[in-house]
Amino acid sequence: MKTSLFIFPNKDRSYFDIIDEVQKVGFDGIELYRACELLRPDTEAAEKIGEYAASKGVAISCISVGANLWRDNPSEDILLLKRYVDVAKALGTPYLHHTLGSVMRHKDMNLRYRCILSNITKALREICGYAKEKGITVINENQGYITNGVPFFEELLSEIDFDNYGLVADLGNILFTDCRPEAFVGRFAPFIKHVHVKDYLYKSGGGLFPGEEWMMTKEGNYLYDAVIGYGVIDFQKVFRILKSAGYDGYFSMECGRETGLPHNIEKGLRNMKRYYENC
């Protein structure tokens, strides 16, 4: 099992500090975000970070960037993502992961599915074409209420004919569509290049509202960020599917505000390894 940490760093920290911490805790790699020295697409800074990580024996599993490609004119996002393709190249990672555009509120669901899919497909073809010239693979995760779930990615994959394109299986995000992660992984295992590992507590939406800290799913149920192993995800089942498909990429533990506390990171890594070893 190749482990990685995906954390959203505070403004007062550097990636050099975080790489030191990742090595100390015992992760094999780190997934970088558009933050700290990489808040802007700076290839010189990326080269220094890549060299430092290599000197510490820490792999850069991926770089992640937020984007919205379902808008009618996502030209600015496309240009930005092309520049982060160059950053990925400078870092020495094979993967650029970017979001497609997340909808997390029911009042924002007034979008036409076919228009969204068409806009995303057109943008992705341009980004993948550029990334292919640089030797970088573009990967997208399941996220939000719309760009998530098996039906959406069935259609998206049928439209993107690039060998440098793949998926990130976000094992927690799939719950926001009220589906199970084993359904997503079971269908797309051969296309999965990277895995985001996180867990959630679950409450039925039929009861009292549990509080503002909880997030609502598409069908009105509630999720709360949890340490890996404390929530509802059957990691042994999911990992078994990935193993049987020959998955050899990173399992990147994604941390929220509370799960990103040092003692919770250690617990999450311990449990993630345990589930993998016993699946």
C-alpha atoms as a PDB file:
ATOM      1  CA  MET A   1       0.000   0.000   0.000  1.00  0.00           C
ATOM      2  CA  LYS A   2       1.350   3.395  -1.013  1.00  0.00           C
ATOM      3  CA  THR A   3       0.075   6.037   1.401  1.00  0.00           C
ATOM      4  CA  SER A   4      -0.207   9.766   0.837  1.00  0.00           C
ATOM      5  CA  LEU A   5      -1.483  12.751   2.824  1.00  0.00           C
ATOM      6  CA  PHE A   6      -3.783  15.353   1.253  1.00  0.00           C
ATOM      7  CA  ILE A   7      -4.229  18.285   3.609  1.00  0.00           C
ATOM      8  CA  PHE A   8      -5.251  21.911   3.124  1.00  0.00           C
ATOM      9  CA  PRO A   9      -2.421  23.862   4.794  1.00  0.00           C
ATOM     10  CA  ASN A  10      -2.761  27.089   6.739  1.00  0.00           C
ATOM     11  CA  LYS A  11      -1.461  30.281   5.147  1.00  0.00           C
ATOM     12  CA  ASP A  12       1.390  30.547   7.642  1.00  0.00           C
ATOM     13  CA  ARG A  13       2.894  27.165   6.702  1.00  0.00           C
ATOM     14  CA  SER A  14       5.164  26.109   3.869  1.00  0.00           C
ATOM     15  CA  TYR A  15       5.181  22.887   1.902  1.00  0.00           C
ATOM     16  CA  PHE A  16       8.736  22.292   3.079  1.00  0.00           C
ATOM     17  CA  ASP A  17       7.430  22.126   6.676  1.00  0.00           C
ATOM     18  CA  ILE A  18       4.569  19.853   5.681  1.00  0.00           C
ATOM     19  CA  ILE A  19       6.882  17.491   3.787  1.00  0.00           C
ATOM     20  CA  ASP A  20       8.964  17.165   6.960  1.00  0.00           C
ATOM     21  CA  GLU A  21       5.835  16.284   8.946  1.00  0.00           C
ATOM     22  CA  VAL A  22       4.639  13.796   6.325  1.00  0.00           C
ATOM     23  CA  GLN A  23       7.974  12.002   6.508  1.00  0.00           C
ATOM     24  CA  LYS A  24       7.914  11.992  10.316  1.00  0.00           C
ATOM     25  CA  VAL A  25       4.405  10.496  10.541  1.00  0.00           C
ATOM     26  CA  GLY A  26       5.281   7.771   8.040  1.00  0.00           C
ATOM     27  CA  PHE A  27       3.438   8.526   4.802  1.00  0.00           C
ATOM     28  CA  ASP A  28       5.043   7.490   1.522  1.00  0.00           C
ATOM     29  CA  GLY A  29       3.904  10.593  -0.323  1.00  0.00           C
ATOM     30  CA  ILE A  30       2.115  13.918  -0.234  1.00  0.00           C
ATOM     31  CA  GLU A  31      -0.673  15.293  -2.402  1.00  0.00           C
ATOM     32  CA  LEU A  32      -0.185  19.012  -2.907  1.00  0.00           C
ATOM     33  CA  TYR A  33      -2.923  21.605  -3.233  1.00  0.00           C
ATOM     34  CA  ARG A  34      -3.020  25.032  -4.824  1.00  0.00           C
ATOM     35  CA  ALA A  35      -1.758  26.732  -1.671  1.00  0.00           C
ATOM     36  CA  CYS A  36       1.393  28.028   0.044  1.00  0.00           C
ATOM     37  CA  GLU A  37       4.202  28.334  -2.500  1.00  0.00           C
ATOM     38  CA  LEU A  38       1.907  26.927  -5.195  1.00  0.00           C
ATOM     39  CA  LEU A  39      -0.971  29.366  -4.769  1.00  0.00           C
ATOM     40  CA  ARG A  40       0.108  30.655  -8.173  1.00  0.00           C
ATOM     41  CA  PRO A  41       1.413  28.347 -10.930  1.00  0.00           C
ATOM     42  CA  ASP A  42       5.108  28.906 -10.160  1.00  0.00           C
ATOM     43  CA  THR A  43       7.257  26.259 -11.867  1.00  0.00           C
ATOM     44  CA  GLU A  44      10.460  27.431 -10.154  1.00  0.00           C
ATOM     45  CA  ALA A  45       8.886  26.971  -6.722  1.00  0.00           C
ATOM     46  CA  ALA A  46       7.526  23.617  -7.876  1.00  0.00           C
ATOM     47  CA  GLU A  47      10.992  22.417  -8.866  1.00  0.00           C
ATOM     48  CA  LYS A  48      12.371  23.339  -5.434  1.00  0.00           C
ATOM     49  CA  ILE A  49       9.521  21.560  -3.654  1.00  0.00           C
ATOM     50  CA  GLY A  50       9.952  18.486  -5.844  1.00  0.00           C
ATOM     51  CA  GLU A  51      13.682  18.374  -5.167  1.00  0.00           C
ATOM     52  CA  TYR A  52      13.156  18.815  -1.428  1.00  0.00           C
ATOM     53  CA  ALA A  53      10.539  16.068  -1.272  1.00  0.00           C
ATOM     54  CA  ALA A  54      12.857  13.707  -3.160  1.00  0.00           C
ATOM     55  CA  SER A  55      15.686  14.471  -0.732  1.00  0.00           C
ATOM     56  CA  LYS A  56      13.391  13.444   2.130  1.00  0.00           C
ATOM     57  CA  GLY A  57      12.220  10.268   0.408  1.00  0.00           C
ATOM     58  CA  VAL A  58       8.668  11.618   0.060  1.00  0.00           C
ATOM     59  CA  ALA A  59       6.923  11.138  -3.291  1.00  0.00           C
ATOM     60  CA  ILE A  60       4.582  13.778  -4.679  1.00  0.00           C
ATOM     61  CA  SER A  61       1.593  11.629  -5.496  1.00  0.00           C
ATOM     62  CA  CYS A  62      -0.432  14.356  -7.174  1.00  0.00           C
ATOM     63  CA  ILE A  63      -1.194  18.076  -7.308  1.00  0.00           C
ATOM     64  CA  SER A  64      -4.811  19.187  -6.921  1.00  0.00           C
ATOM     65  CA  VAL A  65      -6.456  22.362  -8.194  1.00  0.00           C
ATOM     66  CA  GLY A  66     -10.009  23.618  -7.865  1.00  0.00           C
ATOM     67  CA  ALA A  67     -11.770  24.497 -11.125  1.00  0.00           C
ATOM     68  CA  ASN A  68     -15.222  24.911 -12.625  1.00  0.00           C
ATOM     69  CA  LEU A  69     -15.552  23.551 -16.151  1.00  0.00           C
ATOM     70  CA  TRP A  70     -19.330  23.366 -16.444  1.00  0.00           C
ATOM     71  CA  ARG A  71     -19.738  27.117 -16.948  1.00  0.00           C
ATOM     72  CA  ASP A  72     -20.567  28.347 -20.437  1.00  0.00           C
ATOM     73  CA  ASN A  73     -17.138  29.946 -20.836  1.00  0.00           C
ATOM     74  CA  PRO A  74     -14.498  28.252 -18.656  1.00  0.00           C
ATOM     75  CA  SER A  75     -11.572  29.693 -20.644  1.00  0.00           C
ATOM     76  CA  GLU A  76      -9.879  31.178 -17.556  1.00  0.00           C
ATOM     77  CA  ASP A  77     -10.052  27.844 -15.746  1.00  0.00           C
ATOM     78  CA  ILE A  78      -8.690  26.018 -18.795  1.00  0.00           C
ATOM     79  CA  LEU A  79      -5.738  28.401 -19.020  1.00  0.00           C
ATOM     80  CA  LEU A  80      -5.070  28.066 -15.289  1.00  0.00           C
ATOM     81  CA  LEU A  81      -5.152  24.273 -15.463  1.00  0.00           C
ATOM     82  CA  LYS A  82      -2.731  24.245 -18.372  1.00  0.00           C
ATOM     83  CA  ARG A  83      -0.314  26.270 -16.259  1.00  0.00           C
ATOM     84  CA  TYR A  84      -0.711  23.759 -13.432  1.00  0.00           C
ATOM     85  CA  VAL A  85       0.073  20.984 -15.897  1.00  0.00           C
ATOM     86  CA  ASP A  86       3.457  22.709 -16.173  1.00  0.00           C
ATOM     87  CA  VAL A  87       3.651  22.834 -12.373  1.00  0.00           C
ATOM     88  CA  ALA A  88       2.951  19.089 -12.161  1.00  0.00           C
ATOM     89  CA  LYS A  89       5.767  18.493 -14.635  1.00  0.00           C
ATOM     90  CA  ALA A  90       8.140  20.639 -12.559  1.00  0.00           C
ATOM     91  CA  LEU A  91       7.149  18.842  -9.347  1.00  0.00           C
ATOM     92  CA  GLY A  92       7.914  15.454 -10.868  1.00  0.00           C
ATOM     93  CA  THR A  93       4.428  14.041 -10.313  1.00  0.00           C
ATOM     94  CA  PRO A  94       2.598  12.248 -13.138  1.00  0.00           C
ATOM     95  CA  TYR A  95      -0.856  13.536 -12.125  1.00  0.00           C
ATOM     96  CA  LEU A  96      -2.811  16.771 -12.215  1.00  0.00           C
ATOM     97  CA  HIS A  97      -6.074  16.370 -10.346  1.00  0.00           C
ATOM     98  CA  HIS A  98      -8.675  19.087 -10.710  1.00  0.00           C
ATOM     99  CA  THR A  99     -12.311  19.432  -9.781  1.00  0.00           C
ATOM    100  CA  LEU A 100     -14.994  19.781 -12.442  1.00  0.00           C
ATOM    101  CA  GLY A 101     -17.223  22.214 -10.568  1.00  0.00           C
ATOM    102  CA  SER A 102     -19.070  21.270  -7.414  1.00  0.00           C
ATOM    103  CA  VAL A 103     -22.717  21.882  -6.541  1.00  0.00           C
ATOM    104  CA  MET A 104     -23.422  21.313  -2.836  1.00  0.00           C
ATOM    105  CA  ARG A 105     -26.715  23.195  -2.336  1.00  0.00           C
ATOM    106  CA  HIS A 106     -30.143  22.272  -3.633  1.00  0.00           C
ATOM    107  CA  LYS A 107     -30.895  25.864  -4.605  1.00  0.00           C
ATOM    108  CA  ASP A 108     -27.984  25.684  -7.071  1.00  0.00           C
ATOM    109  CA  MET A 109     -29.365  22.630  -8.870  1.00  0.00           C
ATOM    110  CA  ASN A 110     -31.051  24.734 -11.575  1.00  0.00           C
ATOM    111  CA  LEU A 111     -28.521  23.495 -14.138  1.00  0.00           C
ATOM    112  CA  ARG A 112     -29.160  21.530 -17.304  1.00  0.00           C
ATOM    113  CA  TYR A 113     -27.325  18.222 -17.173  1.00  0.00           C
ATOM    114  CA  ARG A 114     -26.583  17.960 -20.903  1.00  0.00           C
ATOM    115  CA  CYS A 115     -25.191  21.493 -21.045  1.00  0.00           C
ATOM    116  CA  ILE A 116     -22.936  20.788 -18.061  1.00  0.00           C
ATOM    117  CA  LEU A 117     -21.668  17.540 -19.563  1.00  0.00           C
ATOM    118  CA  SER A 118     -21.030  19.183 -22.936  1.00  0.00           C
ATOM    119  CA  ASN A 119     -19.082  22.087 -21.423  1.00  0.00           C
ATOM    120  CA  ILE A 120     -16.976  19.791 -19.242  1.00  0.00           C
ATOM    121  CA  THR A 121     -16.229  17.415 -22.096  1.00  0.00           C
ATOM    122  CA  LYS A 122     -15.099  20.190 -24.426  1.00  0.00           C
ATOM    123  CA  ALA A 123     -12.821  21.717 -21.776  1.00  0.00           C
ATOM    124  CA  LEU A 124     -11.344  18.367 -20.744  1.00  0.00           C
ATOM    125  CA  ARG A 125     -10.381  17.482 -24.292  1.00  0.00           C
ATOM    126  CA  GLU A 126      -8.370  20.694 -24.555  1.00  0.00           C
ATOM    127  CA  ILE A 127      -6.679  20.191 -21.177  1.00  0.00           C
ATOM    128  CA  CYS A 128      -5.879  16.527 -21.835  1.00  0.00           C
ATOM    129  CA  GLY A 129      -4.422  17.395 -25.226  1.00  0.00           C
ATOM    130  CA  TYR A 130      -2.058  19.910 -23.642  1.00  0.00           C
ATOM    131  CA  ALA A 131      -1.192  17.577 -20.762  1.00  0.00           C
ATOM    132  CA  LYS A 132      -0.380  14.727 -23.144  1.00  0.00           C
ATOM    133  CA  GLU A 133       2.364  16.833 -24.738  1.00  0.00           C
ATOM    134  CA  LYS A 134       3.887  17.274 -21.262  1.00  0.00           C
ATOM    135  CA  GLY A 135       3.591  13.633 -20.200  1.00  0.00           C
ATOM    136  CA  ILE A 136       1.005  14.417 -17.520  1.00  0.00           C
ATOM    137  CA  THR A 137      -2.179  12.461 -16.807  1.00  0.00           C
ATOM    138  CA  VAL A 138      -5.319  14.448 -15.963  1.00  0.00           C
ATOM    139  CA  ILE A 139      -7.549  12.937 -13.283  1.00  0.00           C
ATOM    140  CA  ASN A 140     -10.961  14.006 -11.959  1.00  0.00           C
ATOM    141  CA  GLU A 141     -12.803  13.079  -8.800  1.00  0.00           C
ATOM    142  CA  ASN A 142     -16.456  12.493  -8.048  1.00  0.00           C
ATOM    143  CA  GLN A 143     -17.717  15.528  -6.143  1.00  0.00           C
ATOM    144  CA  GLY A 144     -20.905  17.312  -5.151  1.00  0.00           C
ATOM    145  CA  TYR A 145     -24.475  16.575  -6.243  1.00  0.00           C
ATOM    146  CA  ILE A 146     -24.027  16.622 -10.037  1.00  0.00           C
ATOM    147  CA  THR A 147     -20.461  15.751 -11.094  1.00  0.00           C
ATOM    148  CA  ASN A 148     -20.615  12.613  -9.007  1.00  0.00           C
ATOM    149  CA  GLY A 149     -21.919   9.068  -9.093  1.00  0.00           C
ATOM    150  CA  VAL A 150     -21.804   6.179 -11.542  1.00  0.00           C
ATOM    151  CA  PRO A 151     -24.222   7.548 -14.199  1.00  0.00           C
ATOM    152  CA  PHE A 152     -22.331  10.848 -14.600  1.00  0.00           C
ATOM    153  CA  PHE A 153     -18.927   9.225 -15.004  1.00  0.00           C
ATOM    154  CA  GLU A 154     -20.311   6.550 -17.336  1.00  0.00           C
ATOM    155  CA  GLU A 155     -21.212   9.347 -19.727  1.00  0.00           C
ATOM    156  CA  LEU A 156     -18.082  11.405 -19.161  1.00  0.00           C
ATOM    157  CA  LEU A 157     -15.712   8.506 -19.796  1.00  0.00           C
ATOM    158  CA  SER A 158     -17.524   7.661 -23.017  1.00  0.00           C
ATOM    159  CA  GLU A 159     -16.713  11.184 -24.277  1.00  0.00           C
ATOM    160  CA  ILE A 160     -13.024  11.470 -23.266  1.00  0.00           C
ATOM    161  CA  ASP A 161     -10.839   9.336 -25.519  1.00  0.00           C
ATOM    162  CA  PHE A 162      -7.386  10.121 -24.122  1.00  0.00           C
ATOM    163  CA  ASP A 163      -4.966   7.582 -22.692  1.00  0.00           C
ATOM    164  CA  ASN A 164      -3.700  10.255 -20.286  1.00  0.00           C
ATOM    165  CA  TYR A 165      -7.086  10.604 -18.587  1.00  0.00           C
ATOM    166  CA  GLY A 166      -8.324   8.798 -15.494  1.00  0.00           C
ATOM    167  CA  LEU A 167     -10.361   9.027 -12.323  1.00  0.00           C
ATOM    168  CA  VAL A 168      -9.846   9.795  -8.674  1.00  0.00           C
ATOM    169  CA  ALA A 169     -12.104   7.632  -6.538  1.00  0.00           C
ATOM    170  CA  ASP A 170     -13.147   9.846  -3.629  1.00  0.00           C
ATOM    171  CA  LEU A 171     -14.534   7.313  -1.197  1.00  0.00           C
ATOM    172  CA  GLY A 172     -16.274   9.934   0.940  1.00  0.00           C
ATOM    173  CA  ASN A 173     -17.681  12.210  -1.745  1.00  0.00           C
ATOM    174  CA  ILE A 174     -19.778   9.435  -3.268  1.00  0.00           C
ATOM    175  CA  LEU A 175     -21.898   9.460  -0.099  1.00  0.00           C
ATOM    176  CA  PHE A 176     -23.214  12.903  -1.063  1.00  0.00           C
ATOM    177  CA  THR A 177     -25.171  11.198  -3.855  1.00  0.00           C
ATOM    178  CA  ASP A 178     -26.509   8.689  -1.290  1.00  0.00           C
ATOM    179  CA  CYS A 179     -24.598   5.889  -3.005  1.00  0.00           C
ATOM    180  CA  ARG A 180     -21.921   3.562  -1.667  1.00  0.00           C
ATOM    181  CA  PRO A 181     -18.218   3.816  -2.561  1.00  0.00           C
ATOM    182  CA  GLU A 182     -18.046   0.133  -3.484  1.00  0.00           C
ATOM    183  CA  ALA A 183     -20.557   0.796  -6.286  1.00  0.00           C
ATOM    184  CA  PHE A 184     -18.355   3.521  -7.778  1.00  0.00           C
ATOM    185  CA  VAL A 185     -15.095   1.609  -7.342  1.00  0.00           C
ATOM    186  CA  GLY A 186     -16.655  -1.639  -8.511  1.00  0.00           C
ATOM    187  CA  ARG A 187     -17.652  -0.060 -11.814  1.00  0.00           C
ATOM    188  CA  PHE A 188     -14.611   2.123 -12.535  1.00  0.00           C
ATOM    189  CA  ALA A 189     -11.693   0.270 -10.913  1.00  0.00           C
ATOM    190  CA  PRO A 190      -9.696  -0.068 -14.190  1.00  0.00           C
ATOM    191  CA  PHE A 191      -9.960   3.708 -14.765  1.00  0.00           C
ATOM    192  CA  ILE A 192      -8.943   4.741 -11.240  1.00  0.00           C
ATOM    193  CA  LYS A 193      -5.466   6.282 -11.008  1.00  0.00           C
ATOM    194  CA  HIS A 194      -5.666   7.802  -7.524  1.00  0.00           C
ATOM    195  CA  VAL A 195      -7.800   7.337  -4.401  1.00  0.00           C
ATOM    196  CA  HIS A 196      -8.958   9.875  -1.810  1.00  0.00           C
ATOM    197  CA  VAL A 197      -9.588   8.148   1.510  1.00  0.00           C
ATOM    198  CA  LYS A 198     -11.864   9.764   4.090  1.00  0.00           C
ATOM    199  CA  ASP A 199     -14.789   8.758   6.264  1.00  0.00           C
ATOM    200  CA  TYR A 200     -18.107  10.187   7.459  1.00  0.00           C
ATOM    201  CA  LEU A 201     -20.648   9.654  10.181  1.00  0.00           C
ATOM    202  CA  TYR A 202     -24.171   9.348   8.785  1.00  0.00           C
ATOM    203  CA  LYS A 203     -27.596  10.424  10.040  1.00  0.00           C
ATOM    204  CA  SER A 204     -30.929   9.981   8.335  1.00  0.00           C
ATOM    205  CA  GLY A 205     -32.576  13.193   7.215  1.00  0.00           C
ATOM    206  CA  GLY A 206     -35.814  11.941   8.743  1.00  0.00           C
ATOM    207  CA  GLY A 207     -34.747  13.051  12.223  1.00  0.00           C
ATOM    208  CA  LEU A 208     -33.957  16.406  13.805  1.00  0.00           C
ATOM    209  CA  PHE A 209     -31.302  18.570  12.154  1.00  0.00           C
ATOM    210  CA  PRO A 210     -28.052  17.511  13.902  1.00  0.00           C
ATOM    211  CA  GLY A 211     -26.324  20.902  13.625  1.00  0.00           C
ATOM    212  CA  GLU A 212     -24.531  23.273  11.280  1.00  0.00           C
ATOM    213  CA  GLU A 213     -21.374  21.154  11.403  1.00  0.00           C
ATOM    214  CA  TRP A 214     -23.140  18.437   9.410  1.00  0.00           C
ATOM    215  CA  MET A 215     -23.383  18.480   5.613  1.00  0.00           C
ATOM    216  CA  MET A 216     -26.472  17.531   3.645  1.00  0.00           C
ATOM    217  CA  THR A 217     -26.531  14.859   0.945  1.00  0.00           C
ATOM    218  CA  LYS A 218     -28.493  15.161  -2.290  1.00  0.00           C
ATOM    219  CA  GLU A 219     -31.392  13.184  -0.779  1.00  0.00           C
ATOM    220  CA  GLY A 220     -31.453  15.207   2.446  1.00  0.00           C
ATOM    221  CA  ASN A 221     -29.446  12.978   4.778  1.00  0.00           C
ATOM    222  CA  TYR A 222     -26.514  14.210   6.879  1.00  0.00           C
ATOM    223  CA  LEU A 223     -22.764  13.542   6.924  1.00  0.00           C
ATOM    224  CA  TYR A 224     -20.087  14.555   9.416  1.00  0.00           C
ATOM    225  CA  ASP A 225     -16.333  14.385   8.817  1.00  0.00           C
ATOM    226  CA  ALA A 226     -14.785  11.476  10.747  1.00  0.00           C
ATOM    227  CA  VAL A 227     -11.442   9.789  11.327  1.00  0.00           C
ATOM    228  CA  ILE A 228     -10.917   6.894   8.909  1.00  0.00           C
ATOM    229  CA  GLY A 229     -12.558   3.865  10.506  1.00  0.00           C
ATOM    230  CA  TYR A 230     -14.945   5.849  12.722  1.00  0.00           C
ATOM    231  CA  GLY A 231     -17.609   6.324  10.057  1.00  0.00           C
ATOM    232  CA  VAL A 232     -19.808   4.238   7.780  1.00  0.00           C
ATOM    233  CA  ILE A 233     -17.490   3.324   4.891  1.00  0.00           C
ATOM    234  CA  ASP A 234     -16.592  -0.361   4.486  1.00  0.00           C
ATOM    235  CA  PHE A 235     -12.930   0.166   3.597  1.00  0.00           C
ATOM    236  CA  GLN A 236     -12.024  -3.521   3.522  1.00  0.00           C
ATOM    237  CA  LYS A 237     -14.621  -4.156   0.835  1.00  0.00           C
ATOM    238  CA  VAL A 238     -13.511  -1.144  -1.234  1.00  0.00           C
ATOM    239  CA  PHE A 239      -9.811  -1.948  -0.907  1.00  0.00           C
ATOM    240  CA  ARG A 240     -10.481  -5.573  -1.864  1.00  0.00           C
ATOM    241  CA  ILE A 241     -12.093  -4.442  -5.116  1.00  0.00           C
ATOM    242  CA  LEU A 242      -9.143  -2.185  -5.921  1.00  0.00           C
ATOM    243  CA  LYS A 243      -6.659  -4.950  -5.127  1.00  0.00           C
ATOM    244  CA  SER A 244      -8.477  -7.397  -7.380  1.00  0.00           C
ATOM    245  CA  ALA A 245      -8.307  -4.851 -10.221  1.00  0.00           C
ATOM    246  CA  GLY A 246      -4.538  -4.506  -9.805  1.00  0.00           C
ATOM    247  CA  TYR A 247      -4.624  -0.938  -8.501  1.00  0.00           C
ATOM    248  CA  ASP A 248      -1.086   0.153  -7.614  1.00  0.00           C
ATOM    249  CA  GLY A 249      -1.555   3.908  -7.078  1.00  0.00           C
ATOM    250  CA  TYR A 250      -1.604   5.973  -3.915  1.00  0.00           C
ATOM    251  CA  PHE A 251      -4.211   5.959  -1.181  1.00  0.00           C
ATOM    252  CA  SER A 252      -4.295   9.630  -0.251  1.00  0.00           C
ATOM    253  CA  MET A 253      -5.821  10.411   3.137  1.00  0.00           C
ATOM    254  CA  GLU A 254      -7.826  13.623   2.766  1.00  0.00           C
ATOM    255  CA  CYS A 255      -8.200  15.589   5.981  1.00  0.00           C
ATOM    256  CA  GLY A 256     -10.768  18.123   7.117  1.00  0.00           C
ATOM    257  CA  ARG A 257     -10.459  20.621   9.952  1.00  0.00           C
ATOM    258  CA  GLU A 258     -10.779  18.095  12.793  1.00  0.00           C
ATOM    259  CA  THR A 259      -9.450  14.999  11.057  1.00  0.00           C
ATOM    260  CA  GLY A 260      -6.374  17.043  10.095  1.00  0.00           C
ATOM    261  CA  LEU A 261      -5.277  17.373  13.719  1.00  0.00           C
ATOM    262  CA  PRO A 262      -1.973  15.519  14.291  1.00  0.00           C
ATOM    263  CA  HIS A 263      -3.388  12.786  16.546  1.00  0.00           C
ATOM    264  CA  ASN A 264      -6.248  12.123  14.124  1.00  0.00           C
ATOM    265  CA  ILE A 265      -3.878  11.913  11.153  1.00  0.00           C
ATOM    266  CA  GLU A 266      -1.924   9.212  12.974  1.00  0.00           C
ATOM    267  CA  LYS A 267      -5.112   7.285  13.792  1.00  0.00           C
ATOM    268  CA  GLY A 268      -6.340   7.563  10.217  1.00  0.00           C
ATOM    269  CA  LEU A 269      -3.069   6.283   8.786  1.00  0.00           C
ATOM    270  CA  ARG A 270      -3.036   3.395  11.255  1.00  0.00           C
ATOM    271  CA  ASN A 271      -6.585   2.368  10.368  1.00  0.00           C
ATOM    272  CA  MET A 272      -6.106   2.812   6.620  1.00  0.00           C
ATOM    273  CA  LYS A 273      -3.117   0.458   6.686  1.00  0.00           C
ATOM    274  CA  ARG A 274      -4.948  -2.036   8.878  1.00  0.00           C
ATOM    275  CA  TYR A 275      -7.940  -2.233   6.553  1.00  0.00           C
ATOM    276  CA  TYR A 276      -5.689  -2.707   3.543  1.00  0.00           C
ATOM    277  CA  GLU A 277      -3.632  -5.440   5.200  1.00  0.00           C
ATOM    278  CA  ASN A 278      -6.767  -7.347   6.200  1.00  0.00           C
ATOM    279  CA  CYS A 279      -8.833  -6.988   3.040  1.00  0.00           C
END
